[in-house]
């Protein structure tokens, strides 16, 4: 294994939780629990509020502030904001979590309706909590990595699935490293949706950027290259040298040339089949630039010829329903690159589709290509459409 240039967390020269000038960034308030009984905190004053009203949380969910809250409420999924965007590329994804929280434009926050494909409603079937935001030192990426890792780890240790909303893709390093801390190195498979392969060795002389986390994770042994599956890559990378590195480490990838040659259904089936090959757990990393910029322009590194929501949503649902997903991240959402609410709407739906799959699995619905009868019978019974179709 190649020795990484990236220092282990304990050696971060810029991370010092005892430093009085920055201690407030990392230190949790001592009164988070206090005499308050553990459990979720509902911030709604009224039973029904539209998207422009109230204090916005992810999916309108109640807040949890401590691991005790997560355990007491038996939370299935805790959504964490991580406003980190120091990597090269267009700045602004630090505000991605706020954009997603405010992404419910026409529906009331937390309004439960069944997914139209499955008739499963994740809002009512799952216990979902907003776990607030990860600590980010806005002077340094390196000083932010270990505190983010600690927060993600504490959620996983509470028996709750962390869902991280970023922020740029350098977050993959602390997010996945935290889960490897809990579930074991080399035991987690990854499905990585991205326009870029994010496994360069360095960017502008730095060994952790939004283009390098995959290499850092592989070289430090947190995940195995054989269990790293990439979907949707296109653009001008990887180059021949990087492609050789990927092959040497057993990567499997399904780029847009494969989609063009063999079709999306073939790619989707291959990716799902490979997702749990040799591992017990699965992590989903969703970069918003996987989508064609026609559908999600609000990202820092857009690439034409991307996937559509119609293509992406079924595979996200299926992965979460059919595989043992232990963590998810949604990154590279840049509100300043989108003058409309389109990207936030798609991102919000990404979260709902993944949550639908998790709720399906909780119900025991794990069959491939599951569609509820009511979703496809046209209101005319199971013999519709005609058998000749």
Protein backbone atom coordinates (compact mmCIF):
# COMPACT_ATOMS: atom_id res chain seq x y z
CA UNK A 1 0.00 0.00 0.00
CA UNK A 2 1.34 3.39 -0.97
CA UNK A 3 2.13 5.65 1.98
CA UNK A 4 -0.24 8.59 1.99
CA UNK A 5 1.01 12.14 2.24
CA UNK A 6 -2.07 12.92 4.28
CA UNK A 7 -1.25 12.92 8.00
CA UNK A 8 -3.29 10.72 10.33
CA UNK A 9 -5.97 12.66 12.22
CA UNK A 10 -4.00 12.74 15.47
CA UNK A 11 -1.16 14.51 13.68
CA UNK A 12 -3.15 17.28 12.04
CA UNK A 13 -0.91 20.29 12.60
CA UNK A 14 -3.82 22.70 12.36
CA UNK A 15 -6.32 20.84 14.55
CA UNK A 16 -5.91 21.61 18.22
CA UNK A 17 -9.13 21.42 20.25
CA UNK A 18 -7.28 22.98 23.20
CA UNK A 19 -6.37 26.12 21.27
CA UNK A 20 -8.30 28.93 23.04
CA UNK A 21 -8.57 30.93 19.82
CA UNK A 22 -10.55 28.17 18.12
CA UNK A 23 -11.95 26.13 20.95
CA UNK A 24 -15.48 27.43 20.35
CA UNK A 25 -15.53 25.89 16.88
CA UNK A 26 -15.06 22.36 18.22
CA UNK A 27 -16.46 22.46 21.75
CA UNK A 28 -20.09 21.49 22.21
CA UNK A 29 -22.23 23.54 24.52
CA UNK A 30 -22.20 21.93 27.97
CA UNK A 31 -25.96 22.40 28.34
CA UNK A 32 -27.03 20.43 25.23
CA UNK A 33 -28.60 17.78 27.45
CA UNK A 34 -28.69 19.35 30.89
CA UNK A 35 -31.80 18.29 32.76
CA UNK A 36 -33.73 17.86 29.51
CA UNK A 37 -35.04 14.32 29.05
CA UNK A 38 -33.44 12.74 25.96
CA UNK A 39 -35.58 12.74 22.86
CA UNK A 40 -36.40 14.74 19.74
CA UNK A 41 -37.18 18.47 19.76
CA UNK A 42 -40.00 19.52 17.44
CA UNK A 43 -39.49 23.14 16.38
CA UNK A 44 -42.94 23.59 14.84
CA UNK A 45 -45.38 25.84 16.65
CA UNK A 46 -48.32 24.95 14.40
CA UNK A 47 -49.45 21.62 13.02
CA UNK A 48 -49.39 22.76 9.39
CA UNK A 49 -46.89 25.23 7.92
CA UNK A 50 -45.93 25.83 4.31
CA UNK A 51 -42.33 25.89 3.12
CA UNK A 52 -41.88 29.62 3.70
CA UNK A 53 -42.82 29.36 7.37
CA UNK A 54 -41.17 28.14 10.52
CA UNK A 55 -37.61 27.17 11.39
CA UNK A 56 -36.34 25.04 8.54
CA UNK A 57 -34.91 21.59 9.19
CA UNK A 58 -34.07 18.74 6.85
CA UNK A 59 -37.39 17.31 5.61
CA UNK A 60 -39.11 19.29 8.36
CA UNK A 61 -37.87 16.73 10.87
CA UNK A 62 -37.42 17.37 14.60
CA UNK A 63 -33.99 18.16 16.01
CA UNK A 64 -31.67 15.87 17.93
CA UNK A 65 -28.70 17.41 19.71
CA UNK A 66 -27.01 14.50 21.45
CA UNK A 67 -26.46 10.75 20.97
CA UNK A 68 -28.81 10.25 23.91
CA UNK A 69 -31.55 11.94 21.87
CA UNK A 70 -30.89 9.57 18.97
CA UNK A 71 -31.01 6.50 21.19
CA UNK A 72 -34.07 7.56 23.16
CA UNK A 73 -36.09 8.23 20.01
CA UNK A 74 -34.66 5.20 18.17
CA UNK A 75 -33.81 7.44 15.23
CA UNK A 76 -33.35 5.61 11.93
CA UNK A 77 -31.61 8.42 10.03
CA UNK A 78 -29.90 11.55 11.31
CA UNK A 79 -29.22 14.21 8.67
CA UNK A 80 -26.12 16.34 9.27
CA UNK A 81 -25.18 19.55 7.49
CA UNK A 82 -21.48 19.94 6.70
CA UNK A 83 -20.70 23.33 5.19
CA UNK A 84 -17.15 22.69 3.99
CA UNK A 85 -16.00 24.09 0.62
CA UNK A 86 -12.28 24.88 0.80
CA UNK A 87 -11.34 22.63 -2.12
CA UNK A 88 -10.50 24.02 -5.51
CA UNK A 89 -13.51 24.59 -7.71
CA UNK A 90 -16.29 27.11 -7.34
CA UNK A 91 -16.91 28.16 -3.72
CA UNK A 92 -20.43 28.17 -2.36
CA UNK A 93 -21.26 24.57 -1.51
CA UNK A 94 -20.77 25.48 2.16
CA UNK A 95 -24.30 26.87 1.86
CA UNK A 96 -25.63 23.62 0.41
CA UNK A 97 -27.16 22.41 3.70
CA UNK A 98 -29.12 25.66 4.05
CA UNK A 99 -30.31 25.32 0.46
CA UNK A 100 -31.55 21.79 1.07
CA UNK A 101 -33.25 22.69 4.34
CA UNK A 102 -35.08 25.46 2.51
CA UNK A 103 -35.67 23.34 -0.57
CA UNK A 104 -39.30 22.56 0.18
CA UNK A 105 -40.77 25.27 -2.02
CA UNK A 106 -44.32 24.10 -2.59
CA UNK A 107 -44.80 21.38 0.04
CA UNK A 108 -45.04 21.91 3.78
CA UNK A 109 -41.83 20.77 5.51
CA UNK A 110 -42.21 17.26 6.84
CA UNK A 111 -45.40 16.72 4.89
CA UNK A 112 -45.75 12.99 4.45
CA UNK A 113 -46.94 11.62 1.12
CA UNK A 114 -46.26 8.18 -0.33
CA UNK A 115 -43.66 7.74 -3.02
CA UNK A 116 -45.67 7.32 -6.20
CA UNK A 117 -43.67 4.33 -7.42
CA UNK A 118 -43.80 2.32 -4.20
CA UNK A 119 -46.63 3.84 -2.13
CA UNK A 120 -44.18 3.91 0.80
CA UNK A 121 -43.93 7.13 2.80
CA UNK A 122 -40.50 7.58 4.42
CA UNK A 123 -41.63 10.57 6.48
CA UNK A 124 -44.13 8.44 8.39
CA UNK A 125 -42.34 5.08 8.21
CA UNK A 126 -38.95 6.26 9.48
CA UNK A 127 -37.80 8.20 12.52
CA UNK A 128 -35.78 11.01 10.94
CA UNK A 129 -33.92 13.72 12.85
CA UNK A 130 -31.99 16.83 11.89
CA UNK A 131 -28.71 16.53 13.79
CA UNK A 132 -27.64 20.09 13.11
CA UNK A 133 -24.35 21.02 11.47
CA UNK A 134 -20.86 19.61 11.76
CA UNK A 135 -18.13 21.88 13.16
CA UNK A 136 -16.22 23.60 10.35
CA UNK A 137 -13.24 25.86 10.91
CA UNK A 138 -13.67 28.41 8.13
CA UNK A 139 -9.93 29.07 8.10
CA UNK A 140 -8.79 25.53 7.33
CA UNK A 141 -9.95 22.35 5.65
CA UNK A 142 -7.39 20.29 7.57
CA UNK A 143 -8.53 21.68 10.90
CA UNK A 144 -12.12 20.69 10.06
CA UNK A 145 -11.59 17.06 9.09
CA UNK A 146 -11.24 15.40 12.49
CA UNK A 147 -14.15 17.27 14.16
CA UNK A 148 -16.43 16.27 11.26
CA UNK A 149 -15.23 12.68 11.55
CA UNK A 150 -15.97 12.70 15.28
CA UNK A 151 -19.54 13.91 14.76
CA UNK A 152 -20.33 11.35 12.05
CA UNK A 153 -18.81 8.64 14.21
CA UNK A 154 -20.95 9.53 17.22
CA UNK A 155 -24.11 9.21 15.13
CA UNK A 156 -23.09 5.79 13.82
CA UNK A 157 -22.11 4.64 17.31
CA UNK A 158 -25.61 5.54 18.50
CA UNK A 159 -27.02 2.98 16.05
CA UNK A 160 -28.34 5.67 13.69
CA UNK A 161 -27.56 6.04 10.00
CA UNK A 162 -25.76 9.33 9.25
CA UNK A 163 -26.86 11.20 6.12
CA UNK A 164 -24.40 14.04 5.46
CA UNK A 165 -25.37 17.01 3.29
CA UNK A 166 -22.45 19.13 2.11
CA UNK A 167 -20.36 20.87 1.32
CA UNK A 168 -17.74 19.71 -1.20
CA UNK A 169 -16.58 16.18 -1.87
CA UNK A 170 -13.52 16.34 0.38
CA UNK A 171 -16.15 15.37 2.99
CA UNK A 172 -15.99 11.81 1.72
CA UNK A 173 -12.74 11.38 3.64
CA UNK A 174 -14.01 12.11 7.17
CA UNK A 175 -17.46 10.66 6.46
CA UNK A 176 -16.24 7.26 5.29
CA UNK A 177 -13.30 7.14 7.69
CA UNK A 178 -15.76 7.65 10.56
CA UNK A 179 -17.89 4.73 9.42
CA UNK A 180 -14.79 2.57 9.00
CA UNK A 181 -13.94 3.47 12.61
CA UNK A 182 -17.27 1.96 13.66
CA UNK A 183 -17.79 -0.92 11.22
CA UNK A 184 -14.18 -1.83 10.50
CA UNK A 185 -11.65 -1.00 7.82
CA UNK A 186 -12.23 -2.74 4.51
CA UNK A 187 -15.75 -3.87 5.43
CA UNK A 188 -17.73 -1.15 3.64
CA UNK A 189 -18.57 -1.11 -0.04
CA UNK A 190 -19.09 2.23 -1.76
CA UNK A 191 -21.31 3.33 -4.62
CA UNK A 192 -19.89 6.64 -5.79
CA UNK A 193 -22.09 8.68 -8.14
CA UNK A 194 -20.02 11.43 -9.71
CA UNK A 195 -19.09 13.14 -12.94
CA UNK A 196 -15.46 12.92 -11.78
CA UNK A 197 -13.50 10.05 -10.30
CA UNK A 198 -12.05 12.07 -7.35
CA UNK A 199 -8.99 9.85 -7.00
CA UNK A 200 -6.22 12.18 -8.08
CA UNK A 201 -3.13 12.13 -5.90
CA UNK A 202 -3.05 15.88 -5.23
CA UNK A 203 -4.65 19.11 -6.33
CA UNK A 204 -2.62 22.30 -6.62
CA UNK A 205 -0.09 20.76 -4.25
CA UNK A 206 -2.65 19.70 -1.64
CA UNK A 207 -3.32 16.06 -0.85
CA UNK A 208 -6.91 16.54 0.28
CA UNK A 209 -9.30 18.36 -2.02
CA UNK A 210 -12.67 17.54 -3.48
CA UNK A 211 -10.75 15.66 -6.20
CA UNK A 212 -8.62 13.42 -3.95
CA UNK A 213 -10.67 11.77 -1.14
CA UNK A 214 -11.02 8.42 -2.90
CA UNK A 215 -7.24 7.94 -3.14
CA UNK A 216 -6.73 8.95 0.49
CA UNK A 217 -9.37 6.46 1.68
CA UNK A 218 -7.98 3.62 -0.43
CA UNK A 219 -4.34 4.23 0.47
CA UNK A 220 -5.10 4.41 4.18
CA UNK A 221 -7.08 1.17 4.01
CA UNK A 222 -10.48 2.50 5.09
CA UNK A 223 -12.10 0.92 2.03
CA UNK A 224 -10.90 -1.50 -0.63
CA UNK A 225 -10.60 -0.49 -4.26
CA UNK A 226 -12.38 -3.72 -5.23
CA UNK A 227 -15.43 -2.56 -3.29
CA UNK A 228 -15.42 0.93 -4.80
CA UNK A 229 -17.93 1.24 -7.65
CA UNK A 230 -18.18 4.50 -9.59
CA UNK A 231 -21.18 5.50 -11.69
CA UNK A 232 -21.68 8.41 -14.08
CA UNK A 233 -18.08 9.53 -14.61
CA UNK A 234 -17.34 11.64 -17.68
CA UNK A 235 -15.47 14.81 -18.58
CA UNK A 236 -11.68 14.87 -18.97
CA UNK A 237 -10.56 12.59 -16.16
CA UNK A 238 -9.20 10.12 -15.31
CA UNK A 239 -6.12 10.32 -17.48
CA UNK A 240 -4.23 7.19 -18.53
CA UNK A 241 -2.00 7.18 -15.43
CA UNK A 242 -4.93 7.57 -13.06
CA UNK A 243 -6.91 4.92 -14.91
CA UNK A 244 -3.97 2.55 -14.41
CA UNK A 245 -4.00 3.30 -10.67
CA UNK A 246 -7.71 2.51 -10.53
CA UNK A 247 -7.23 -0.79 -12.32
CA UNK A 248 -4.29 -1.71 -10.09
CA UNK A 249 -6.58 -1.25 -7.06
CA UNK A 250 -9.45 -3.26 -8.52
CA UNK A 251 -11.87 -0.40 -9.13
CA UNK A 252 -15.05 -1.06 -11.03
CA UNK A 253 -16.52 1.86 -12.87
CA UNK A 254 -19.55 2.54 -15.04
CA UNK A 255 -18.92 5.72 -16.96
CA UNK A 256 -21.12 7.53 -19.44
CA UNK A 257 -19.53 5.71 -22.41
CA UNK A 258 -20.93 2.50 -20.89
CA UNK A 259 -24.35 4.12 -20.58
CA UNK A 260 -24.15 5.21 -24.22
CA UNK A 261 -22.96 1.78 -25.40
CA UNK A 262 -24.99 -0.62 -23.27
CA UNK A 263 -27.86 1.45 -21.87
CA UNK A 264 -28.75 2.66 -18.40
CA UNK A 265 -30.62 -0.49 -17.33
CA UNK A 266 -27.49 -2.60 -17.96
CA UNK A 267 -25.31 -0.18 -15.99
CA UNK A 268 -27.80 -0.02 -13.13
CA UNK A 269 -28.01 -3.80 -12.83
CA UNK A 270 -24.24 -4.19 -12.87
CA UNK A 271 -23.71 -1.49 -10.23
CA UNK A 272 -26.36 -2.93 -7.89
CA UNK A 273 -24.95 -6.43 -8.29
CA UNK A 274 -21.44 -5.24 -7.48
CA UNK A 275 -22.47 -2.99 -4.58
CA UNK A 276 -22.24 -5.63 -1.86
CA UNK A 277 -19.71 -7.97 -3.46
CA UNK A 278 -17.43 -9.02 -0.61
CA UNK A 279 -18.78 -6.59 2.01
CA UNK A 280 -21.60 -6.51 4.53
CA UNK A 281 -22.23 -2.77 4.41
CA UNK A 282 -22.79 -0.13 1.75
CA UNK A 283 -22.13 3.60 1.65
CA UNK A 284 -23.70 5.88 -0.98
CA UNK A 285 -21.79 8.99 -2.08
CA UNK A 286 -23.91 11.27 -4.26
CA UNK A 287 -22.24 14.20 -6.02
CA UNK A 288 -24.84 16.52 -7.53
CA UNK A 289 -22.74 16.94 -10.67
CA UNK A 290 -23.71 13.35 -11.56
CA UNK A 291 -26.84 14.96 -12.93
CA UNK A 292 -26.72 16.75 -16.23
CA UNK A 293 -26.52 20.49 -15.46
CA UNK A 294 -29.83 20.93 -17.26
CA UNK A 295 -31.41 19.32 -14.18
CA UNK A 296 -28.99 20.48 -11.46
CA UNK A 297 -27.02 23.58 -12.49
CA UNK A 298 -26.14 24.48 -8.90
CA UNK A 299 -22.85 22.65 -8.57
CA UNK A 300 -19.24 23.79 -8.60
CA UNK A 301 -17.94 21.58 -11.41
CA UNK A 302 -20.79 20.91 -13.87
CA UNK A 303 -20.23 18.48 -16.73
CA UNK A 304 -22.59 18.13 -19.72
CA UNK A 305 -23.93 14.74 -20.83
CA UNK A 306 -24.93 13.65 -17.35
CA UNK A 307 -27.66 11.48 -15.93
CA UNK A 308 -31.27 12.53 -15.51
CA UNK A 309 -33.39 12.37 -12.35
CA UNK A 310 -35.52 9.73 -14.05
CA UNK A 311 -32.43 7.55 -14.37
CA UNK A 312 -30.98 8.29 -10.93
CA UNK A 313 -34.00 7.95 -8.67
CA UNK A 314 -34.69 4.23 -9.32
CA UNK A 315 -31.12 3.16 -8.57
CA UNK A 316 -31.05 5.24 -5.37
CA UNK A 317 -34.31 3.66 -4.21
CA UNK A 318 -33.14 0.18 -5.10
CA UNK A 319 -29.74 0.45 -3.44
CA UNK A 320 -31.30 1.62 -0.19
CA UNK A 321 -33.98 -1.08 -0.31
CA UNK A 322 -31.91 -4.02 -1.49
CA UNK A 323 -28.57 -3.37 0.25
CA UNK A 324 -27.48 -2.80 3.84
CA UNK A 325 -26.82 0.94 3.60
CA UNK A 326 -25.12 2.37 6.69
CA UNK A 327 -24.45 5.91 5.52
CA UNK A 328 -25.14 8.40 2.74
CA UNK A 329 -23.68 11.72 1.65
CA UNK A 330 -24.99 14.33 -0.79
CA UNK A 331 -22.35 16.87 -1.79
CA UNK A 332 -21.34 19.63 -4.22
CA UNK A 333 -24.62 21.52 -4.05
CA UNK A 334 -23.84 25.18 -4.73
CA UNK A 335 -26.78 27.57 -4.33
CA UNK A 336 -24.83 30.50 -5.80
CA UNK A 337 -24.52 28.69 -9.13
CA UNK A 338 -28.28 28.27 -9.48
CA UNK A 339 -30.56 31.33 -9.67
CA UNK A 340 -33.59 29.03 -9.49
CA UNK A 341 -34.60 26.45 -6.91
CA UNK A 342 -34.12 23.57 -9.39
CA UNK A 343 -31.00 22.06 -7.82
CA UNK A 344 -32.43 22.22 -4.32
CA UNK A 345 -35.61 20.56 -5.55
CA UNK A 346 -33.65 17.71 -7.14
CA UNK A 347 -31.40 17.36 -4.06
CA UNK A 348 -34.41 17.26 -1.77
CA UNK A 349 -35.90 14.55 -3.96
CA UNK A 350 -32.62 12.60 -3.88
CA UNK A 351 -32.91 12.50 -0.10
CA UNK A 352 -36.56 11.44 -0.27
CA UNK A 353 -35.81 8.67 -2.79
CA UNK A 354 -33.01 7.26 -0.63
CA UNK A 355 -35.25 7.51 2.43
CA UNK A 356 -38.00 5.70 0.53
CA UNK A 357 -35.62 2.82 -0.13
CA UNK A 358 -34.60 2.72 3.54
CA UNK A 359 -38.27 2.67 4.55
CA UNK A 360 -38.94 -0.12 2.04
CA UNK A 361 -36.16 -2.20 3.57
CA UNK A 362 -37.53 -1.53 7.05
CA UNK A 363 -40.89 -2.88 5.81
CA UNK A 364 -39.18 -5.91 4.29
CA UNK A 365 -39.70 -4.82 0.67
CA UNK A 366 -36.38 -5.72 -0.94
CA UNK A 367 -37.36 -7.25 -4.28
CA UNK A 368 -35.76 -5.75 -7.41
CA UNK A 369 -37.82 -3.40 -9.54
CA UNK A 370 -40.56 -3.16 -6.93
CA UNK A 371 -43.57 -1.13 -7.99
CA UNK A 372 -46.78 -0.92 -5.99
CA UNK A 373 -49.78 -2.30 -7.85
CA UNK A 374 -51.61 0.99 -7.39
CA UNK A 375 -48.73 2.77 -9.10
CA UNK A 376 -48.90 0.86 -12.37
CA UNK A 377 -52.42 -0.51 -12.86
CA UNK A 378 -53.84 2.72 -14.25
CA UNK A 379 -56.77 2.40 -11.87
CA UNK A 380 -58.04 -0.49 -13.98
CA UNK A 381 -56.79 -3.53 -12.14
CA UNK A 382 -53.76 -5.78 -12.48
CA UNK A 383 -54.62 -6.84 -16.04
CA UNK A 384 -53.93 -3.33 -17.25
CA UNK A 385 -52.12 -2.41 -19.47
CA UNK A 386 -53.03 -4.93 -22.16
CA UNK A 387 -50.81 -8.01 -22.23
CA UNK A 388 -49.60 -7.12 -25.70
CA UNK A 389 -47.83 -4.03 -24.34
